N, C-alpha and C. Protein backbone atom coordinates (compact mmCIF):
# COMPACT_ATOMS: atom_id res chain seq x y z
N MET A 1 1.40 -1.13 -0.14
CA MET A 1 -0.16 0.26 0.36
C MET A 1 1.21 1.44 -0.07
N LYS A 2 0.58 1.82 -0.35
CA LYS A 2 1.13 3.50 -0.76
C LYS A 2 1.49 3.95 0.26
N THR A 3 2.12 5.28 0.87
CA THR A 3 2.57 5.93 2.28
C THR A 3 0.97 6.84 1.94
N GLN A 4 0.19 7.89 1.04
CA GLN A 4 -0.54 8.32 1.00
C GLN A 4 -1.74 7.98 1.10
N VAL A 5 -1.49 6.58 0.68
CA VAL A 5 -3.19 5.83 1.07
C VAL A 5 -2.82 5.28 2.75
N VAL A 6 -1.64 4.91 3.45
CA VAL A 6 -1.55 4.77 4.48
C VAL A 6 -2.46 5.54 5.28
N LYS A 7 -1.67 6.68 4.85
CA LYS A 7 -1.90 7.81 5.73
C LYS A 7 -3.00 8.75 5.57
N GLN A 8 -4.27 8.54 4.54
CA GLN A 8 -5.91 8.79 4.46
C GLN A 8 -6.29 7.60 5.10
N THR A 9 -6.06 6.18 5.11
CA THR A 9 -7.19 5.86 5.85
C THR A 9 -7.15 6.16 7.21
N ILE A 10 -5.64 5.88 7.91
CA ILE A 10 -5.60 6.90 9.03
C ILE A 10 -5.52 7.35 9.20
N HIS A 11 -6.15 8.28 9.09
CA HIS A 11 -6.69 9.80 8.58
C HIS A 11 -8.00 9.28 9.25
N GLU A 12 -8.91 8.63 8.13
CA GLU A 12 -10.32 8.38 8.34
C GLU A 12 -10.90 7.40 9.84
N LEU A 13 -9.93 6.79 10.00
CA LEU A 13 -10.05 5.89 11.00
C LEU A 13 -10.66 6.46 12.48
N VAL A 14 -9.52 7.24 12.12
CA VAL A 14 -8.77 8.78 13.36
C VAL A 14 -10.10 9.17 13.81
N ASP A 15 -11.00 9.83 12.52
CA ASP A 15 -11.69 10.42 12.50
C ASP A 15 -13.22 10.16 13.77
N GLN A 16 -13.38 8.52 13.13
CA GLN A 16 -14.15 8.20 13.61
C GLN A 16 -14.25 7.36 14.99
N ILE A 17 -12.78 7.51 15.71
CA ILE A 17 -12.94 7.19 17.63
C ILE A 17 -13.58 8.57 18.04
N GLU A 18 -13.80 7.86 19.00
CA GLU A 18 -14.84 8.39 19.89
C GLU A 18 -14.03 8.46 21.24
N ASP A 19 -13.62 7.16 21.50
CA ASP A 19 -12.41 6.64 22.57
C ASP A 19 -11.25 7.78 23.03
N ASN A 20 -11.70 9.00 23.64
CA ASN A 20 -10.41 9.83 24.25
C ASN A 20 -8.93 9.61 24.54
N GLU A 21 -9.23 8.45 25.70
CA GLU A 21 -8.49 7.45 25.85
C GLU A 21 -7.46 6.45 25.12
N LEU A 22 -7.53 6.32 24.13
CA LEU A 22 -7.61 5.54 23.41
C LEU A 22 -6.78 6.67 22.11
N LEU A 23 -7.83 7.91 21.85
CA LEU A 23 -6.48 8.73 20.31
C LEU A 23 -5.21 8.92 21.66
N THR A 24 -5.75 9.48 23.03
CA THR A 24 -4.32 9.96 23.72
C THR A 24 -3.57 9.00 23.96
N LEU A 25 -3.49 7.99 23.75
CA LEU A 25 -2.48 7.02 23.81
C LEU A 25 -1.70 6.62 22.26
N TYR A 26 -2.33 6.95 21.19
CA TYR A 26 -2.20 7.00 19.34
C TYR A 26 -1.84 8.07 19.40
N LEU A 27 -1.99 9.64 20.29
CA LEU A 27 -0.68 10.52 19.79
C LEU A 27 0.18 10.21 21.17
N LYS A 28 0.09 10.00 21.66
CA LYS A 28 1.83 9.40 22.15
C LYS A 28 2.56 8.86 21.67
N LEU A 29 2.03 7.40 21.67
CA LEU A 29 2.96 6.82 20.50
C LEU A 29 3.31 8.04 18.75
N LEU A 30 2.89 8.41 17.96
CA LEU A 30 3.32 9.04 17.43
C LEU A 30 4.27 10.68 17.68
N GLU A 31 3.76 10.92 18.44
CA GLU A 31 4.22 12.07 19.30
C GLU A 31 6.11 11.23 19.58
N ARG A 32 6.30 10.04 20.44
CA ARG A 32 6.96 9.28 20.60
C ARG A 32 8.19 9.49 19.24
N GLU A 33 7.49 8.42 18.03
CA GLU A 33 8.00 8.34 16.88
C GLU A 33 9.00 9.49 16.60
N ILE A 34 8.01 10.60 16.71
CA ILE A 34 8.29 11.56 15.76
C ILE A 34 9.71 12.18 16.83
N LYS A 35 9.12 12.06 17.90
CA LYS A 35 10.54 12.04 18.36
C LYS A 35 12.36 11.36 19.08
N LYS A 36 12.31 10.69 18.22
CA LYS A 36 13.09 9.21 18.10
C LYS A 36 14.21 9.59 17.19
N PRO A 37 15.41 9.58 18.33
CA PRO A 37 16.11 9.66 16.67
C PRO A 37 16.28 8.40 16.05
N ILE A 38 16.87 9.50 14.74
CA ILE A 38 17.20 8.00 13.81
C ILE A 38 18.33 7.02 13.96
N SER A 39 18.99 6.85 15.22
CA SER A 39 19.95 5.90 15.79
C SER A 39 18.87 4.98 16.46
N ASP A 40 18.02 5.57 16.81
CA ASP A 40 17.24 4.58 17.93
C ASP A 40 16.40 3.38 16.58
N SER A 41 16.56 3.68 15.66
CA SER A 41 16.36 2.75 15.08
C SER A 41 17.28 1.95 14.58
N THR A 42 17.10 0.94 15.26
CA THR A 42 18.91 0.13 14.99
C THR A 42 18.09 -1.65 15.63
N PHE A 43 16.79 -1.80 15.19
CA PHE A 43 16.56 -2.91 15.73
C PHE A 43 16.65 -4.50 14.42
N PHE A 44 17.10 -3.77 12.97
CA PHE A 44 16.66 -4.41 12.29
C PHE A 44 18.23 -4.09 11.30
N ALA A 45 18.70 -3.10 11.96
CA ALA A 45 20.83 -3.19 11.21
C ALA A 45 20.67 -5.05 11.14
N THR A 46 22.01 -4.36 10.05
CA THR A 46 22.51 -5.63 10.00
C THR A 46 24.32 -5.55 9.65
N THR A 47 24.32 -4.55 10.67
CA THR A 47 26.08 -4.37 9.55
C THR A 47 26.28 -5.55 11.42
N ASP A 48 27.99 -5.84 10.81
CA ASP A 48 28.42 -6.78 11.70
C ASP A 48 28.33 -6.05 12.94
N GLU A 49 28.42 -5.20 13.59
CA GLU A 49 28.94 -4.03 14.43
C GLU A 49 27.63 -4.19 15.22
N ASP A 50 26.20 -4.05 14.62
CA ASP A 50 25.09 -3.94 14.84
C ASP A 50 24.85 -4.97 15.64
N LEU A 51 24.80 -6.54 14.70
CA LEU A 51 24.31 -7.63 15.87
C LEU A 51 25.13 -8.85 16.99
N VAL A 52 27.11 -7.71 16.98
CA VAL A 52 27.22 -7.82 18.02
C VAL A 52 26.52 -6.93 19.11
N ALA A 53 26.67 -5.59 18.77
CA ALA A 53 25.86 -5.02 19.66
C ALA A 53 24.85 -5.56 20.40
N ARG A 54 24.06 -6.55 19.61
CA ARG A 54 22.83 -6.61 19.71
C ARG A 54 22.78 -7.90 20.41
N ALA A 55 23.40 -8.60 20.67
CA ALA A 55 24.11 -10.23 21.04
C ALA A 55 24.78 -9.93 22.16
N HIS A 56 25.76 -8.79 22.43
CA HIS A 56 26.31 -8.73 23.94
C HIS A 56 25.13 -7.81 24.99
N ALA A 57 24.43 -6.97 24.33
CA ALA A 57 23.04 -7.27 25.03
C ALA A 57 21.92 -8.17 25.36
N SER A 58 22.40 -8.91 24.60
CA SER A 58 21.19 -10.36 24.44
C SER A 58 21.98 -11.21 26.09
N MET A 59 23.44 -11.31 25.31
CA MET A 59 23.60 -11.93 26.91
C MET A 59 23.80 -10.32 28.66
N ASN A 60 23.61 -9.50 28.34
CA ASN A 60 23.73 -8.42 29.60
C ASN A 60 22.21 -9.24 30.13
N SER A 61 21.02 -9.06 29.44
CA SER A 61 19.43 -9.40 29.75
C SER A 61 19.81 -11.30 30.46
N ILE A 62 20.53 -11.58 30.04
CA ILE A 62 20.65 -13.00 30.37
C ILE A 62 21.81 -12.69 31.48
N GLU A 63 22.37 -12.53 32.05
CA GLU A 63 23.14 -12.63 32.99
C GLU A 63 22.43 -12.06 34.11
N LYS A 64 20.85 -11.10 33.76
CA LYS A 64 21.34 -10.71 34.68
C LYS A 64 19.27 -11.19 34.83
N GLY A 65 19.17 -12.53 34.49
CA GLY A 65 18.18 -12.91 34.77
C GLY A 65 16.62 -12.16 33.82
N ASP A 66 16.73 -11.39 32.87
CA ASP A 66 15.65 -10.73 32.62
C ASP A 66 15.75 -11.22 30.73
N THR A 67 14.78 -12.92 31.17
CA THR A 67 15.17 -13.79 30.02
C THR A 67 12.96 -13.90 30.72
N ARG A 68 12.77 -14.52 29.29
CA ARG A 68 11.23 -15.42 29.47
C ARG A 68 11.17 -17.01 29.07
N ASN A 69 10.03 -16.83 28.92
CA ASN A 69 9.81 -18.57 29.73
C ASN A 69 9.41 -18.99 27.50
N ILE A 70 10.11 -20.22 27.24
CA ILE A 70 10.05 -20.17 25.27
C ILE A 70 8.07 -19.72 25.83
N LYS A 71 7.77 -20.39 25.90
CA LYS A 71 6.58 -21.02 25.83
C LYS A 71 5.52 -19.81 26.04
N ASP A 72 5.23 -19.18 26.60
CA ASP A 72 5.04 -17.39 26.26
C ASP A 72 5.57 -17.07 25.65
N PHE A 73 6.99 -17.36 24.93
CA PHE A 73 7.53 -15.80 23.33
C PHE A 73 6.75 -17.23 22.25
N LYS A 74 6.65 -17.88 22.33
CA LYS A 74 6.27 -18.98 21.39
C LYS A 74 5.04 -17.84 21.38
N LYS A 75 4.03 -18.02 22.24
CA LYS A 75 2.76 -17.50 22.42
C LYS A 75 2.61 -16.31 21.60
N ASP A 76 3.44 -15.29 22.31
CA ASP A 76 3.56 -13.93 21.85
C ASP A 76 3.59 -13.81 20.03
N VAL A 77 4.71 -14.43 19.78
CA VAL A 77 4.85 -14.70 18.23
C VAL A 77 3.81 -15.02 17.86
N ASP A 78 3.26 -16.10 18.21
CA ASP A 78 1.98 -16.47 17.40
C ASP A 78 0.58 -15.90 17.09
N THR A 79 0.87 -14.51 18.14
CA THR A 79 -0.29 -13.77 18.64
C THR A 79 -0.07 -12.83 17.30
N TRP A 80 1.59 -12.04 18.06
CA TRP A 80 2.00 -10.84 16.95
C TRP A 80 1.51 -11.50 15.19
N LYS A 81 1.48 -13.11 15.03
CA LYS A 81 1.93 -13.26 13.52
C LYS A 81 0.19 -13.20 13.23
N LYS A 82 -0.86 -13.76 13.93
CA LYS A 82 -2.22 -13.92 13.52
C LYS A 82 -2.84 -12.06 13.31
N ASN A 83 -2.46 -11.25 13.88
CA ASN A 83 -2.98 -10.80 15.00
C ASN A 83 -1.88 -8.81 13.12
N ARG A 84 -0.62 -9.85 13.20
CA ARG A 84 -0.47 -8.04 11.70
C ARG A 84 -1.06 -8.60 10.82
N ALA A 85 -1.72 -7.24 9.70
CA ALA A 85 -2.24 -7.65 8.91
C ALA A 85 -1.61 -6.60 7.27
N MET A 86 -1.72 -7.89 6.94
CA MET A 86 -1.08 -7.64 5.13
C MET A 86 -1.90 -8.19 4.08
């Protein structure tokens, strides 16, 4: 879908929402995305340095005990797959 069509569709949907709490959450999310420095968007970066940095961050999380149960992880991934629309 072209960017302009996506933007127009989002505008049309937002115009239909009357839930102020939901709209406020969307506003905060969008504002956070606008303010985010480009360098923060490195999750999908694939340079050797980026991959090594992510591996080190993962190892640090494991050492601190910040881990998840594999069943919970798989459940979250399955939910994400089911909910992504394309």
